[in-house]
Amino acid sequence: MKDDDLLKLCNRCLDYNHQTGIITWVEMISKFSNKLVGQEAGCYTRGYKTLRINGINHLAHRIAFLMHHGFMPLSIDHINGIKDDNRSVNLRECTIKENNRNCGVRENNSTGYKGVHKLSNKRLTTDKWVVMIGSDDGPKYKGIFTTPELAAQAYDKAALEYHGEFALTNKSMGLINEL
């Protein structure tokens, strides 16, 4: 379905409150639909709210953006990182690369800090930590540090430099106190 057709259908069947981010059904799509008029639309899938429209699942934040701005970008970012906060002030158009920049600490991270890993050397054991960060020019090495906290601070400084408004820092996640 083209964005224009989807927008027309959404505007007919849904109401988007841009201040709360809540989408509700205002008209049933078909007589076979189990959607109730006035009911909040969607259910949760991996933390994101999804809506089923004409047999196709759509992420609610993409529908919200479409209904508010009139077009559907390639990628949409939740500014505050909360996957179901679909208020218009919390949604912004971005590239996939920009959206990936403000992801939190990965599940397999062993240091507890974004952008920090323990220096591994096959010949000797070290208590040193390395900082790497992605940039438009590829990965950047930012140094070796004596503590993971110092490394996290170095990552944060680099994140602000390379990622700008899309930077998600260890400090902003509450993992360190100082920058």
Foldseek 3Di string as FASTA:
>chain_A
DDLQVVLVVCVVFWDADLAQRWIFGQDDPDPPDPHDHPHTAADDDPQFTWHQDPNDIDTSLQSLCCNVPVDGAPDKAQLLPRRHRNRPVRIDHDDPVLRVQQDADDPPAPQRAPQKDADDDPVDDAQKIWGWDAAPVGIDTQDIGNHVQVNQVSNQVVQCVGNPSSHHGCVNVVNDPDD
